[in-house]
Amino acid sequence: MPKNEVDLNDPLNWFIADSMDDYDVRLNPETAKELVHRHTGYPKLVSALKEAIEALKQAGQIDKAESLSSRLKELGES
């Protein structure tokens, strides 16, 4: 079967097709602006958090710095 065809005998495909009506995939302009704003602000927040971790380490607050560092790692940031 070619990649662009759906196997109608597969129950998972029926489930997906039925579920698609539950989602409205169109974004209104305000929601789109919020998402873009969050996306462009995220690197700045990560940078600020890394600076805060360094400042905590220099101030001797190793436990707090490690806690924030582990949260950054959970987000996929090193």
N, C-alpha and C. Protein backbone atom coordinates (compact mmCIF):
# COMPACT_ATOMS: atom_id res chain seq x y z
N MET A 1 0.86 -1.18 0.00
CA MET A 1 0.00 0.00 0.00
C MET A 1 0.90 1.24 0.00
N PRO A 2 0.66 2.18 -0.90
CA PRO A 2 1.45 3.42 -0.92
C PRO A 2 1.27 4.21 0.37
N LYS A 3 2.27 5.03 0.69
CA LYS A 3 2.26 5.80 1.93
C LYS A 3 1.09 6.76 2.05
N ASN A 4 0.59 7.27 0.94
CA ASN A 4 -0.45 8.28 1.03
C ASN A 4 -1.86 7.70 1.06
N GLU A 5 -1.97 6.39 1.18
CA GLU A 5 -3.29 5.76 1.27
C GLU A 5 -3.53 5.28 2.70
N VAL A 6 -4.78 5.29 3.10
CA VAL A 6 -5.17 4.87 4.44
C VAL A 6 -5.78 3.48 4.36
N ASP A 7 -5.36 2.62 5.28
CA ASP A 7 -5.92 1.28 5.35
C ASP A 7 -7.24 1.35 6.11
N LEU A 8 -8.36 1.22 5.39
CA LEU A 8 -9.67 1.34 6.02
C LEU A 8 -10.04 0.11 6.84
N ASN A 9 -9.24 -0.93 6.77
CA ASN A 9 -9.49 -2.13 7.58
C ASN A 9 -8.83 -2.02 8.96
N ASP A 10 -8.03 -1.00 9.16
CA ASP A 10 -7.34 -0.82 10.44
C ASP A 10 -8.26 -0.04 11.39
N PRO A 11 -8.63 -0.62 12.53
CA PRO A 11 -9.53 0.06 13.48
C PRO A 11 -8.97 1.39 13.99
N LEU A 12 -7.65 1.49 14.09
CA LEU A 12 -7.05 2.74 14.55
C LEU A 12 -7.39 3.89 13.60
N ASN A 13 -7.38 3.62 12.31
CA ASN A 13 -7.72 4.65 11.34
C ASN A 13 -9.18 5.09 11.48
N TRP A 14 -10.06 4.17 11.79
CA TRP A 14 -11.47 4.53 12.04
C TRP A 14 -11.58 5.42 13.27
N PHE A 15 -10.84 5.07 14.32
CA PHE A 15 -10.85 5.86 15.55
C PHE A 15 -10.35 7.27 15.28
N ILE A 16 -9.26 7.38 14.53
CA ILE A 16 -8.70 8.70 14.21
C ILE A 16 -9.69 9.51 13.39
N ALA A 17 -10.30 8.88 12.40
CA ALA A 17 -11.27 9.59 11.56
C ALA A 17 -12.45 10.07 12.38
N ASP A 18 -12.94 9.25 13.30
CA ASP A 18 -14.06 9.65 14.15
C ASP A 18 -13.67 10.77 15.10
N SER A 19 -12.44 10.76 15.56
CA SER A 19 -11.98 11.75 16.53
C SER A 19 -11.70 13.11 15.90
N MET A 20 -11.45 13.16 14.62
CA MET A 20 -11.10 14.42 13.98
C MET A 20 -12.20 15.47 14.12
N ASP A 21 -13.44 15.05 14.22
CA ASP A 21 -14.53 16.00 14.38
C ASP A 21 -14.52 16.68 15.74
N ASP A 22 -13.78 16.10 16.71
CA ASP A 22 -13.72 16.68 18.04
C ASP A 22 -12.78 17.88 18.13
N TYR A 23 -11.98 18.09 17.10
CA TYR A 23 -10.98 19.15 17.14
C TYR A 23 -11.28 20.23 16.11
N ASP A 24 -11.15 21.46 16.56
CA ASP A 24 -11.25 22.59 15.65
C ASP A 24 -9.82 23.06 15.40
N VAL A 25 -9.30 22.78 14.24
CA VAL A 25 -7.90 23.06 13.98
C VAL A 25 -7.65 24.47 13.46
N ARG A 26 -8.70 25.24 13.27
CA ARG A 26 -8.53 26.61 12.82
C ARG A 26 -8.27 27.51 14.03
N LEU A 27 -7.28 28.39 13.91
CA LEU A 27 -6.97 29.33 14.99
C LEU A 27 -7.55 30.70 14.65
N ASN A 28 -8.11 31.32 15.67
CA ASN A 28 -8.52 32.70 15.45
C ASN A 28 -7.28 33.59 15.54
N PRO A 29 -7.32 34.78 15.02
CA PRO A 29 -6.12 35.64 14.98
C PRO A 29 -5.52 35.92 16.36
N GLU A 30 -6.35 36.09 17.39
CA GLU A 30 -5.82 36.38 18.72
C GLU A 30 -5.03 35.19 19.27
N THR A 31 -5.56 33.99 19.09
CA THR A 31 -4.85 32.80 19.55
C THR A 31 -3.54 32.63 18.81
N ALA A 32 -3.56 32.87 17.51
CA ALA A 32 -2.33 32.76 16.72
C ALA A 32 -1.28 33.75 17.20
N LYS A 33 -1.70 34.99 17.51
CA LYS A 33 -0.75 35.98 18.02
C LYS A 33 -0.16 35.55 19.36
N GLU A 34 -0.99 34.98 20.23
CA GLU A 34 -0.51 34.51 21.53
C GLU A 34 0.54 33.42 21.36
N LEU A 35 0.27 32.48 20.45
CA LEU A 35 1.22 31.39 20.22
C LEU A 35 2.54 31.91 19.68
N VAL A 36 2.47 32.83 18.74
CA VAL A 36 3.70 33.39 18.17
C VAL A 36 4.46 34.16 19.24
N HIS A 37 3.74 34.92 20.05
CA HIS A 37 4.39 35.69 21.11
C HIS A 37 5.09 34.75 22.09
N ARG A 38 4.42 33.68 22.48
CA ARG A 38 5.03 32.71 23.39
C ARG A 38 6.27 32.08 22.75
N HIS A 39 6.15 31.78 21.47
CA HIS A 39 7.26 31.13 20.79
C HIS A 39 8.49 32.04 20.74
N THR A 40 8.28 33.33 20.45
CA THR A 40 9.41 34.24 20.36
C THR A 40 9.95 34.61 21.73
N GLY A 41 9.13 34.52 22.76
CA GLY A 41 9.58 34.84 24.11
C GLY A 41 10.27 33.70 24.82
N TYR A 42 10.04 32.49 24.37
CA TYR A 42 10.59 31.31 25.05
C TYR A 42 12.11 31.33 25.15
N PRO A 43 12.85 31.60 24.06
CA PRO A 43 14.31 31.62 24.17
C PRO A 43 14.81 32.67 25.17
N LYS A 44 14.10 33.79 25.25
CA LYS A 44 14.50 34.83 26.21
C LYS A 44 14.31 34.34 27.64
N LEU A 45 13.22 33.62 27.88
CA LEU A 45 12.97 33.09 29.22
C LEU A 45 14.00 32.04 29.60
N VAL A 46 14.36 31.19 28.65
CA VAL A 46 15.38 30.17 28.92
C VAL A 46 16.71 30.83 29.23
N SER A 47 17.06 31.86 28.48
CA SER A 47 18.31 32.58 28.72
C SER A 47 18.31 33.23 30.10
N ALA A 48 17.20 33.85 30.46
CA ALA A 48 17.10 34.49 31.78
C ALA A 48 17.19 33.45 32.89
N LEU A 49 16.60 32.30 32.69
CA LEU A 49 16.65 31.25 33.70
C LEU A 49 18.08 30.72 33.86
N LYS A 50 18.80 30.59 32.76
CA LYS A 50 20.20 30.15 32.83
C LYS A 50 21.05 31.17 33.58
N GLU A 51 20.79 32.46 33.36
CA GLU A 51 21.50 33.50 34.09
C GLU A 51 21.17 33.43 35.58
N ALA A 52 19.91 33.17 35.90
CA ALA A 52 19.50 33.06 37.30
C ALA A 52 20.19 31.86 37.96
N ILE A 53 20.32 30.77 37.24
CA ILE A 53 20.99 29.58 37.79
C ILE A 53 22.44 29.90 38.10
N GLU A 54 23.11 30.60 37.17
CA GLU A 54 24.50 30.99 37.40
C GLU A 54 24.62 31.91 38.61
N ALA A 55 23.71 32.87 38.72
CA ALA A 55 23.74 33.81 39.85
C ALA A 55 23.52 33.08 41.17
N LEU A 56 22.61 32.09 41.17
CA LEU A 56 22.37 31.31 42.39
C LEU A 56 23.61 30.51 42.77
N LYS A 57 24.27 29.94 41.78
CA LYS A 57 25.49 29.17 42.07
C LYS A 57 26.57 30.08 42.67
N GLN A 58 26.73 31.26 42.11
CA GLN A 58 27.74 32.20 42.61
C GLN A 58 27.39 32.70 44.01
N ALA A 59 26.10 32.74 44.33
CA ALA A 59 25.66 33.20 45.65
C ALA A 59 25.67 32.06 46.67
N GLY A 60 26.05 30.87 46.23
CA GLY A 60 26.11 29.74 47.15
C GLY A 60 24.80 29.00 47.33
N GLN A 61 23.80 29.31 46.55
CA GLN A 61 22.49 28.67 46.64
C GLN A 61 22.46 27.46 45.68
N ILE A 62 23.30 26.51 45.95
CA ILE A 62 23.48 25.37 45.04
C ILE A 62 22.21 24.55 44.90
N ASP A 63 21.50 24.31 46.00
CA ASP A 63 20.28 23.50 45.94
C ASP A 63 19.23 24.14 45.02
N LYS A 64 19.04 25.44 45.16
CA LYS A 64 18.06 26.14 44.32
C LYS A 64 18.51 26.12 42.86
N ALA A 65 19.81 26.31 42.64
CA ALA A 65 20.34 26.29 41.27
C ALA A 65 20.14 24.92 40.64
N GLU A 66 20.41 23.88 41.39
CA GLU A 66 20.23 22.51 40.87
C GLU A 66 18.76 22.21 40.58
N SER A 67 17.88 22.71 41.42
CA SER A 67 16.44 22.51 41.21
C SER A 67 15.99 23.16 39.90
N LEU A 68 16.40 24.39 39.68
CA LEU A 68 16.04 25.08 38.44
C LEU A 68 16.70 24.42 37.23
N SER A 69 17.93 23.98 37.42
CA SER A 69 18.64 23.31 36.33
C SER A 69 17.95 22.02 35.93
N SER A 70 17.46 21.26 36.90
CA SER A 70 16.77 20.01 36.58
C SER A 70 15.44 20.28 35.86
N ARG A 71 14.79 21.36 36.21
CA ARG A 71 13.54 21.73 35.50
C ARG A 71 13.83 22.12 34.05
N LEU A 72 14.94 22.81 33.85
CA LEU A 72 15.33 23.14 32.48
C LEU A 72 15.60 21.89 31.67
N LYS A 73 16.24 20.92 32.29
CA LYS A 73 16.53 19.66 31.59
C LYS A 73 15.25 18.91 31.26
N GLU A 74 14.25 18.99 32.13
CA GLU A 74 12.95 18.36 31.86
C GLU A 74 12.29 18.96 30.62
N LEU A 75 12.58 20.24 30.36
CA LEU A 75 12.03 20.92 29.18
C LEU A 75 12.85 20.64 27.93
N GLY A 76 13.95 19.90 28.09
CA GLY A 76 14.78 19.59 26.94
C GLY A 76 15.87 20.60 26.70
N GLU A 77 16.09 21.49 27.67
CA GLU A 77 17.14 22.49 27.56
C GLU A 77 18.33 22.01 28.38
N SER A 78 19.53 22.22 27.84
CA SER A 78 20.72 21.78 28.59
C SER A 78 21.32 22.91 29.37
